Amino acid sequence: MKTVKTDIKIKDVFFRDEKVFFSLEDGREIGAPLEWYPRLYKASKEELLDFSISPGGYGVHWNKVDEDLSAYGMLTHDQKNNTQSL
């Protein structure tokens, strides 16, 4: 059974240079190219800005494009195989 790391807390989401970034509560910023996430890559600016951070801070949901990302998932994403690596 896979467990989700919940000690990585997302504080904010922002976009720059065709990438999505998470600002974490511990001061780090992590990011990935939007092209790794086709729904986000195809979304309009309005759709990208319509997101909510989960109450626990572990993930983000984009309402209009029905996409979910977690900080842990972003850190472990394997673009070559389009999977998460542990």
PDB file of N, CA and C in Angstrom:
ATOM      1  N   MET A   1       0.831  -1.164   0.000  1.00  0.00           N
ATOM      2  CA  MET A   1       0.000   0.000   0.000  1.00  0.00           C
ATOM      3  C   MET A   1       0.889   1.244   0.000  1.00  0.00           C
ATOM      4  N   LYS A   2       0.562   2.201  -0.852  1.00  0.00           N
ATOM      5  CA  LYS A   2       1.332   3.435  -0.978  1.00  0.00           C
ATOM      6  C   LYS A   2       0.817   4.458   0.030  1.00  0.00           C
ATOM      7  N   THR A   3       1.734   5.123   0.716  1.00  0.00           N
ATOM      8  CA  THR A   3       1.335   6.179   1.633  1.00  0.00           C
ATOM      9  C   THR A   3       1.753   7.524   1.064  1.00  0.00           C
ATOM     10  N   VAL A   4       0.994   8.540   1.401  1.00  0.00           N
ATOM     11  CA  VAL A   4       1.272   9.885   0.916  1.00  0.00           C
ATOM     12  C   VAL A   4       1.991  10.657   2.001  1.00  0.00           C
ATOM     13  N   LYS A   5       3.075  11.308   1.616  1.00  0.00           N
ATOM     14  CA  LYS A   5       3.809  12.146   2.557  1.00  0.00           C
ATOM     15  C   LYS A   5       2.949  13.361   2.870  1.00  0.00           C
ATOM     16  N   THR A   6       2.655  13.577   4.130  1.00  0.00           N
ATOM     17  CA  THR A   6       1.812  14.712   4.500  1.00  0.00           C
ATOM     18  C   THR A   6       2.602  15.798   5.222  1.00  0.00           C
ATOM     19  N   ASP A   7       3.911  15.616   5.342  1.00  0.00           N
ATOM     20  CA  ASP A   7       4.708  16.629   6.012  1.00  0.00           C
ATOM     21  C   ASP A   7       5.132  17.737   5.055  1.00  0.00           C
ATOM     22  N   ILE A   8       4.845  17.589   3.766  1.00  0.00           N
ATOM     23  CA  ILE A   8       5.134  18.613   2.767  1.00  0.00           C
ATOM     24  C   ILE A   8       3.845  19.400   2.562  1.00  0.00           C
ATOM     25  N   LYS A   9       3.813  20.648   3.007  1.00  0.00           N
ATOM     26  CA  LYS A   9       2.597  21.453   2.978  1.00  0.00           C
ATOM     27  C   LYS A   9       2.700  22.576   1.949  1.00  0.00           C
ATOM     28  N   ILE A  10       1.701  22.648   1.071  1.00  0.00           N
ATOM     29  CA  ILE A  10       1.643  23.685   0.047  1.00  0.00           C
ATOM     30  C   ILE A  10       0.999  24.933   0.633  1.00  0.00           C
ATOM     31  N   LYS A  11       1.666  26.061   0.438  1.00  0.00           N
ATOM     32  CA  LYS A  11       1.158  27.347   0.921  1.00  0.00           C
ATOM     33  C   LYS A  11       0.524  28.151  -0.209  1.00  0.00           C
ATOM     34  N   ASP A  12       1.092  28.057  -1.428  1.00  0.00           N
ATOM     35  CA  ASP A  12       0.607  28.841  -2.550  1.00  0.00           C
ATOM     36  C   ASP A  12       0.969  28.154  -3.860  1.00  0.00           C
ATOM     37  N   VAL A  13       0.290  28.546  -4.931  1.00  0.00           N
ATOM     38  CA  VAL A  13       0.525  28.029  -6.279  1.00  0.00           C
ATOM     39  C   VAL A  13       0.754  29.225  -7.186  1.00  0.00           C
ATOM     40  N   PHE A  14       1.750  29.119  -8.065  1.00  0.00           N
ATOM     41  CA  PHE A  14       1.945  30.181  -9.049  1.00  0.00           C
ATOM     42  C   PHE A  14       2.501  29.585 -10.329  1.00  0.00           C
ATOM     43  N   PHE A  15       2.446  30.392 -11.388  1.00  0.00           N
ATOM     44  CA  PHE A  15       2.857  29.949 -12.718  1.00  0.00           C
ATOM     45  C   PHE A  15       3.869  30.933 -13.273  1.00  0.00           C
ATOM     46  N   ARG A  16       4.885  30.381 -13.956  1.00  0.00           N
ATOM     47  CA  ARG A  16       5.909  31.217 -14.590  1.00  0.00           C
ATOM     48  C   ARG A  16       6.600  30.389 -15.667  1.00  0.00           C
ATOM     49  N   ASP A  17       6.813  31.005 -16.816  1.00  0.00           N
ATOM     50  CA  ASP A  17       7.577  30.363 -17.897  1.00  0.00           C
ATOM     51  C   ASP A  17       7.064  28.966 -18.255  1.00  0.00           C
ATOM     52  N   GLU A  18       5.733  28.846 -18.411  1.00  0.00           N
ATOM     53  CA  GLU A  18       5.128  27.562 -18.801  1.00  0.00           C
ATOM     54  C   GLU A  18       5.354  26.460 -17.764  1.00  0.00           C
ATOM     55  N   LYS A  19       5.485  26.867 -16.493  1.00  0.00           N
ATOM     56  CA  LYS A  19       5.668  25.903 -15.406  1.00  0.00           C
ATOM     57  C   LYS A  19       4.686  26.213 -14.281  1.00  0.00           C
ATOM     58  N   VAL A  20       4.371  25.193 -13.502  1.00  0.00           N
ATOM     59  CA  VAL A  20       3.560  25.350 -12.299  1.00  0.00           C
ATOM     60  C   VAL A  20       4.499  25.175 -11.101  1.00  0.00           C
ATOM     61  N   PHE A  21       4.327  26.039 -10.112  1.00  0.00           N
ATOM     62  CA  PHE A  21       5.161  26.015  -8.912  1.00  0.00           C
ATOM     63  C   PHE A  21       4.293  25.941  -7.663  1.00  0.00           C
ATOM     64  N   PHE A  22       4.809  25.270  -6.660  1.00  0.00           N
ATOM     65  CA  PHE A  22       4.211  25.261  -5.331  1.00  0.00           C
ATOM     66  C   PHE A  22       5.182  25.938  -4.378  1.00  0.00           C
ATOM     67  N   SER A  23       4.689  26.909  -3.623  1.00  0.00           N
ATOM     68  CA  SER A  23       5.443  27.467  -2.499  1.00  0.00           C
ATOM     69  C   SER A  23       5.079  26.618  -1.296  1.00  0.00           C
ATOM     70  N   LEU A  24       6.086  26.097  -0.635  1.00  0.00           N
ATOM     71  CA  LEU A  24       5.845  25.224   0.516  1.00  0.00           C
ATOM     72  C   LEU A  24       5.980  26.002   1.817  1.00  0.00           C
ATOM     73  N   GLU A  25       5.328  25.502   2.848  1.00  0.00           N
ATOM     74  CA  GLU A  25       5.369  26.178   4.141  1.00  0.00           C
ATOM     75  C   GLU A  25       6.771  26.272   4.721  1.00  0.00           C
ATOM     76  N   ASP A  26       7.662  25.366   4.339  1.00  0.00           N
ATOM     77  CA  ASP A  26       9.023  25.396   4.883  1.00  0.00           C
ATOM     78  C   ASP A  26       9.947  26.343   4.109  1.00  0.00           C
ATOM     79  N   GLY A  27       9.383  27.089   3.132  1.00  0.00           N
ATOM     80  CA  GLY A  27      10.160  28.073   2.396  1.00  0.00           C
ATOM     81  C   GLY A  27      10.649  27.620   1.036  1.00  0.00           C
ATOM     82  N   ARG A  28      10.570  26.338   0.758  1.00  0.00           N
ATOM     83  CA  ARG A  28      11.000  25.833  -0.552  1.00  0.00           C
ATOM     84  C   ARG A  28       9.967  26.156  -1.619  1.00  0.00           C
ATOM     85  N   GLU A  29      10.429  26.198  -2.870  1.00  0.00           N
ATOM     86  CA  GLU A  29       9.553  26.274  -4.033  1.00  0.00           C
ATOM     87  C   GLU A  29       9.921  25.114  -4.939  1.00  0.00           C
ATOM     88  N   ILE A  30       8.903  24.387  -5.382  1.00  0.00           N
ATOM     89  CA  ILE A  30       9.127  23.289  -6.305  1.00  0.00           C
ATOM     90  C   ILE A  30       8.272  23.544  -7.544  1.00  0.00           C
ATOM     91  N   GLY A  31       8.720  23.054  -8.684  1.00  0.00           N
ATOM     92  CA  GLY A  31       7.960  23.287  -9.899  1.00  0.00           C
ATOM     93  C   GLY A  31       8.207  22.224 -10.943  1.00  0.00           C
ATOM     94  N   ALA A  32       7.343  22.257 -11.951  1.00  0.00           N
ATOM     95  CA  ALA A  32       7.446  21.318 -13.060  1.00  0.00           C
ATOM     96  C   ALA A  32       6.836  21.958 -14.307  1.00  0.00           C
ATOM     97  N   PRO A  33       7.279  21.530 -15.470  1.00  0.00           N
ATOM     98  CA  PRO A  33       6.695  22.054 -16.708  1.00  0.00           C
ATOM     99  C   PRO A  33       5.207  21.705 -16.804  1.00  0.00           C
ATOM    100  N   LEU A  34       4.407  22.649 -17.261  1.00  0.00           N
ATOM    101  CA  LEU A  34       2.982  22.389 -17.444  1.00  0.00           C
ATOM    102  C   LEU A  34       2.743  21.249 -18.425  1.00  0.00           C
ATOM    103  N   GLU A  35       3.630  21.071 -19.385  1.00  0.00           N
ATOM    104  CA  GLU A  35       3.434  20.013 -20.384  1.00  0.00           C
ATOM    105  C   GLU A  35       3.432  18.620 -19.763  1.00  0.00           C
ATOM    106  N   TRP A  36       3.950  18.477 -18.562  1.00  0.00           N
ATOM    107  CA  TRP A  36       3.880  17.190 -17.875  1.00  0.00           C
ATOM    108  C   TRP A  36       2.461  16.850 -17.464  1.00  0.00           C
ATOM    109  N   TYR A  37       1.616  17.858 -17.379  1.00  0.00           N
ATOM    110  CA  TYR A  37       0.230  17.703 -16.927  1.00  0.00           C
ATOM    111  C   TYR A  37      -0.688  18.239 -18.024  1.00  0.00           C
ATOM    112  N   PRO A  38      -1.066  17.398 -19.000  1.00  0.00           N
ATOM    113  CA  PRO A  38      -1.796  17.848 -20.188  1.00  0.00           C
ATOM    114  C   PRO A  38      -3.044  18.682 -19.904  1.00  0.00           C
ATOM    115  N   ARG A  39      -3.802  18.347 -18.882  1.00  0.00           N
ATOM    116  CA  ARG A  39      -5.004  19.140 -18.583  1.00  0.00           C
ATOM    117  C   ARG A  39      -4.633  20.569 -18.203  1.00  0.00           C
ATOM    118  N   LEU A  40      -3.582  20.715 -17.429  1.00  0.00           N
ATOM    119  CA  LEU A  40      -3.157  22.061 -17.047  1.00  0.00           C
ATOM    120  C   LEU A  40      -2.520  22.777 -18.236  1.00  0.00           C
ATOM    121  N   TYR A  41      -1.786  22.058 -19.034  1.00  0.00           N
ATOM    122  CA  TYR A  41      -1.106  22.647 -20.190  1.00  0.00           C
ATOM    123  C   TYR A  41      -2.113  23.238 -21.184  1.00  0.00           C
ATOM    124  N   LYS A  42      -3.249  22.581 -21.335  1.00  0.00           N
ATOM    125  CA  LYS A  42      -4.285  23.025 -22.271  1.00  0.00           C
ATOM    126  C   LYS A  42      -5.241  24.052 -21.651  1.00  0.00           C
ATOM    127  N   ALA A  43      -5.150  24.265 -20.358  1.00  0.00           N
ATOM    128  CA  ALA A  43      -6.090  25.147 -19.665  1.00  0.00           C
ATOM    129  C   ALA A  43      -5.825  26.622 -19.957  1.00  0.00           C
ATOM    130  N   SER A  44      -6.882  27.411 -19.874  1.00  0.00           N
ATOM    131  CA  SER A  44      -6.751  28.865 -20.021  1.00  0.00           C
ATOM    132  C   SER A  44      -6.184  29.444 -18.731  1.00  0.00           C
ATOM    133  N   LYS A  45      -5.773  30.695 -18.784  1.00  0.00           N
ATOM    134  CA  LYS A  45      -5.258  31.370 -17.587  1.00  0.00           C
ATOM    135  C   LYS A  45      -6.329  31.386 -16.495  1.00  0.00           C
ATOM    136  N   GLU A  46      -7.556  31.647 -16.889  1.00  0.00           N
ATOM    137  CA  GLU A  46      -8.666  31.657 -15.925  1.00  0.00           C
ATOM    138  C   GLU A  46      -8.828  30.300 -15.256  1.00  0.00           C
ATOM    139  N   GLU A  47      -8.742  29.232 -16.040  1.00  0.00           N
ATOM    140  CA  GLU A  47      -8.865  27.885 -15.488  1.00  0.00           C
ATOM    141  C   GLU A  47      -7.699  27.547 -14.565  1.00  0.00           C
ATOM    142  N   LEU A  48      -6.499  27.979 -14.920  1.00  0.00           N
ATOM    143  CA  LEU A  48      -5.333  27.715 -14.077  1.00  0.00           C
ATOM    144  C   LEU A  48      -5.448  28.407 -12.719  1.00  0.00           C
ATOM    145  N   LEU A  49      -6.078  29.573 -12.708  1.00  0.00           N
ATOM    146  CA  LEU A  49      -6.184  30.330 -11.461  1.00  0.00           C
ATOM    147  C   LEU A  49      -7.365  29.900 -10.598  1.00  0.00           C
ATOM    148  N   ASP A  50      -8.171  28.983 -11.089  1.00  0.00           N
ATOM    149  CA  ASP A  50      -9.321  28.478 -10.334  1.00  0.00           C
ATOM    150  C   ASP A  50      -8.928  27.172  -9.642  1.00  0.00           C
ATOM    151  N   PHE A  51      -8.153  27.298  -8.569  1.00  0.00           N
ATOM    152  CA  PHE A  51      -7.668  26.124  -7.836  1.00  0.00           C
ATOM    153  C   PHE A  51      -7.960  26.282  -6.351  1.00  0.00           C
ATOM    154  N   SER A  52      -7.898  25.188  -5.652  1.00  0.00           N
ATOM    155  CA  SER A  52      -8.000  25.227  -4.192  1.00  0.00           C
ATOM    156  C   SER A  52      -6.946  24.286  -3.615  1.00  0.00           C
ATOM    157  N   ILE A  53      -6.327  24.734  -2.540  1.00  0.00           N
ATOM    158  CA  ILE A  53      -5.341  23.923  -1.822  1.00  0.00           C
ATOM    159  C   ILE A  53      -6.100  23.125  -0.771  1.00  0.00           C
ATOM    160  N   SER A  54      -5.799  21.849  -0.669  1.00  0.00           N
ATOM    161  CA  SER A  54      -6.495  20.993   0.294  1.00  0.00           C
ATOM    162  C   SER A  54      -6.310  21.532   1.710  1.00  0.00           C
ATOM    163  N   PRO A  55      -7.283  21.296   2.581  1.00  0.00           N
ATOM    164  CA  PRO A  55      -7.175  21.805   3.960  1.00  0.00           C
ATOM    165  C   PRO A  55      -5.883  21.391   4.667  1.00  0.00           C
ATOM    166  N   GLY A  56      -5.367  20.210   4.384  1.00  0.00           N
ATOM    167  CA  GLY A  56      -4.123  19.753   4.998  1.00  0.00           C
ATOM    168  C   GLY A  56      -2.876  20.285   4.319  1.00  0.00           C
ATOM    169  N   GLY A  57      -3.040  20.923   3.153  1.00  0.00           N
ATOM    170  CA  GLY A  57      -1.915  21.502   2.437  1.00  0.00           C
ATOM    171  C   GLY A  57      -1.128  20.526   1.581  1.00  0.00           C
ATOM    172  N   TYR A  58      -1.605  19.297   1.441  1.00  0.00           N
ATOM    173  CA  TYR A  58      -0.823  18.299   0.706  1.00  0.00           C
ATOM    174  C   TYR A  58      -1.086  18.304  -0.800  1.00  0.00           C
ATOM    175  N   GLY A  59      -2.198  18.894  -1.246  1.00  0.00           N
ATOM    176  CA  GLY A  59      -2.529  18.831  -2.663  1.00  0.00           C
ATOM    177  C   GLY A  59      -3.284  20.051  -3.149  1.00  0.00           C
ATOM    178  N   VAL A  60      -3.428  20.118  -4.479  1.00  0.00           N
ATOM    179  CA  VAL A  60      -4.130  21.212  -5.145  1.00  0.00           C
ATOM    180  C   VAL A  60      -5.131  20.605  -6.116  1.00  0.00           C
ATOM    181  N   HIS A  61      -6.322  21.180  -6.151  1.00  0.00           N
ATOM    182  CA  HIS A  61      -7.356  20.754  -7.099  1.00  0.00           C
ATOM    183  C   HIS A  61      -7.729  21.926  -7.986  1.00  0.00           C
ATOM    184  N   TRP A  62      -7.724  21.686  -9.308  1.00  0.00           N
ATOM    185  CA  TRP A  62      -8.170  22.687 -10.272  1.00  0.00           C
ATOM    186  C   TRP A  62      -9.600  22.337 -10.638  1.00  0.00           C
ATOM    187  N   ASN A  63     -10.517  23.206 -10.266  1.00  0.00           N
ATOM    188  CA  ASN A  63     -11.945  22.943 -10.401  1.00  0.00           C
ATOM    189  C   ASN A  63     -12.406  22.773 -11.840  1.00  0.00           C
ATOM    190  N   LYS A  64     -12.060  23.685 -12.707  1.00  0.00           N
ATOM    191  CA  LYS A  64     -12.602  23.675 -14.072  1.00  0.00           C
ATOM    192  C   LYS A  64     -11.959  22.635 -14.984  1.00  0.00           C
ATOM    193  N   VAL A  65     -10.775  22.168 -14.650  1.00  0.00           N
ATOM    194  CA  VAL A  65     -10.114  21.156 -15.496  1.00  0.00           C
ATOM    195  C   VAL A  65     -10.051  19.793 -14.818  1.00  0.00           C
ATOM    196  N   ASP A  66     -10.588  19.709 -13.593  1.00  0.00           N
ATOM    197  CA  ASP A  66     -10.641  18.462 -12.833  1.00  0.00           C
ATOM    198  C   ASP A  66      -9.276  17.779 -12.765  1.00  0.00           C
ATOM    199  N   GLU A  67      -8.298  18.523 -12.282  1.00  0.00           N
ATOM    200  CA  GLU A  67      -6.930  18.011 -12.127  1.00  0.00           C
ATOM    201  C   GLU A  67      -6.516  18.140 -10.671  1.00  0.00           C
ATOM    202  N   ASP A  68      -5.776  17.168 -10.190  1.00  0.00           N
ATOM    203  CA  ASP A  68      -5.257  17.171  -8.828  1.00  0.00           C
ATOM    204  C   ASP A  68      -3.767  16.892  -8.860  1.00  0.00           C
ATOM    205  N   LEU A  69      -3.014  17.678  -8.115  1.00  0.00           N
ATOM    206  CA  LEU A  69      -1.577  17.451  -7.952  1.00  0.00           C
ATOM    207  C   LEU A  69      -1.237  17.550  -6.476  1.00  0.00           C
ATOM    208  N   SER A  70      -0.245  16.789  -6.073  1.00  0.00           N
ATOM    209  CA  SER A  70       0.272  16.909  -4.708  1.00  0.00           C
ATOM    210  C   SER A  70       1.741  17.317  -4.795  1.00  0.00           C
ATOM    211  N   ALA A  71       2.237  17.901  -3.727  1.00  0.00           N
ATOM    212  CA  ALA A  71       3.656  18.263  -3.686  1.00  0.00           C
ATOM    213  C   ALA A  71       4.505  16.997  -3.778  1.00  0.00           C
ATOM    214  N   TYR A  72       4.127  15.982  -3.047  1.00  0.00           N
ATOM    215  CA  TYR A  72       4.861  14.725  -3.083  1.00  0.00           C
ATOM    216  C   TYR A  72       4.849  14.133  -4.490  1.00  0.00           C
ATOM    217  N   GLY A  73       3.700  14.176  -5.148  1.00  0.00           N
ATOM    218  CA  GLY A  73       3.584  13.665  -6.504  1.00  0.00           C
ATOM    219  C   GLY A  73       4.461  14.425  -7.479  1.00  0.00           C
ATOM    220  N   MET A  74       4.521  15.752  -7.305  1.00  0.00           N
ATOM    221  CA  MET A  74       5.365  16.552  -8.187  1.00  0.00           C
ATOM    222  C   MET A  74       6.834  16.179  -7.994  1.00  0.00           C
ATOM    223  N   LEU A  75       7.224  15.941  -6.767  1.00  0.00           N
ATOM    224  CA  LEU A  75       8.616  15.596  -6.472  1.00  0.00           C
ATOM    225  C   LEU A  75       9.005  14.213  -6.989  1.00  0.00           C
ATOM    226  N   THR A  76       8.041  13.323  -7.127  1.00  0.00           N
ATOM    227  CA  THR A  76       8.352  11.948  -7.514  1.00  0.00           C
ATOM    228  C   THR A  76       7.913  11.609  -8.936  1.00  0.00           C
ATOM    229  N   HIS A  77       7.431  12.587  -9.690  1.00  0.00           N
ATOM    230  CA  HIS A  77       6.934  12.345 -11.047  1.00  0.00           C
ATOM    231  C   HIS A  77       8.080  11.941 -11.981  1.00  0.00           C
ATOM    232  N   ASP A  78       7.873  10.872 -12.718  1.00  0.00           N
ATOM    233  CA  ASP A  78       8.831  10.400 -13.710  1.00  0.00           C
ATOM    234  C   ASP A  78       8.247  10.698 -15.088  1.00  0.00           C
ATOM    235  N   GLN A  79       8.664  11.799 -15.701  1.00  0.00           N
ATOM    236  CA  GLN A  79       8.092  12.223 -16.975  1.00  0.00           C
ATOM    237  C   GLN A  79       8.338  11.212 -18.085  1.00  0.00           C
ATOM    238  N   LYS A  80       9.488  10.586 -18.078  1.00  0.00           N
ATOM    239  CA  LYS A  80       9.817   9.626 -19.146  1.00  0.00           C
ATOM    240  C   LYS A  80       8.758   8.514 -19.234  1.00  0.00           C
ATOM    241  N   ASN A  81       8.330   8.022 -18.092  1.00  0.00           N
ATOM    242  CA  ASN A  81       7.345   6.943 -18.057  1.00  0.00           C
ATOM    243  C   ASN A  81       5.951   7.420 -17.680  1.00  0.00           C
ATOM    244  N   ASN A  82       5.812   8.737 -17.464  1.00  0.00           N
ATOM    245  CA  ASN A  82       4.556   9.343 -17.025  1.00  0.00           C
ATOM    246  C   ASN A  82       3.982   8.617 -15.808  1.00  0.00           C
ATOM    247  N   THR A  83       4.854   8.355 -14.836  1.00  0.00           N
ATOM    248  CA  THR A  83       4.473   7.683 -13.610  1.00  0.00           C
ATOM    249  C   THR A  83       5.148   8.391 -12.446  1.00  0.00           C
ATOM    250  N   GLN A  84       4.795   7.953 -11.256  1.00  0.00           N
ATOM    251  CA  GLN A  84       5.486   8.428 -10.065  1.00  0.00           C
ATOM    252  C   GLN A  84       6.493   7.384  -9.649  1.00  0.00           C
ATOM    253  N   SER A  85       7.694   7.847  -9.312  1.00  0.00           N
ATOM    254  CA  SER A  85       8.720   6.946  -8.825  1.00  0.00           C
ATOM    255  C   SER A  85       8.860   7.112  -7.327  1.00  0.00           C
ATOM    256  N   LEU A  86       9.236   6.057  -6.660  1.00  0.00           N
ATOM    257  CA  LEU A  86       9.384   6.139  -5.196  1.00  0.00           C
ATOM    258  C   LEU A  86      10.822   6.193  -4.817  1.00  0.00           C
TER     259      LEU A  86
END
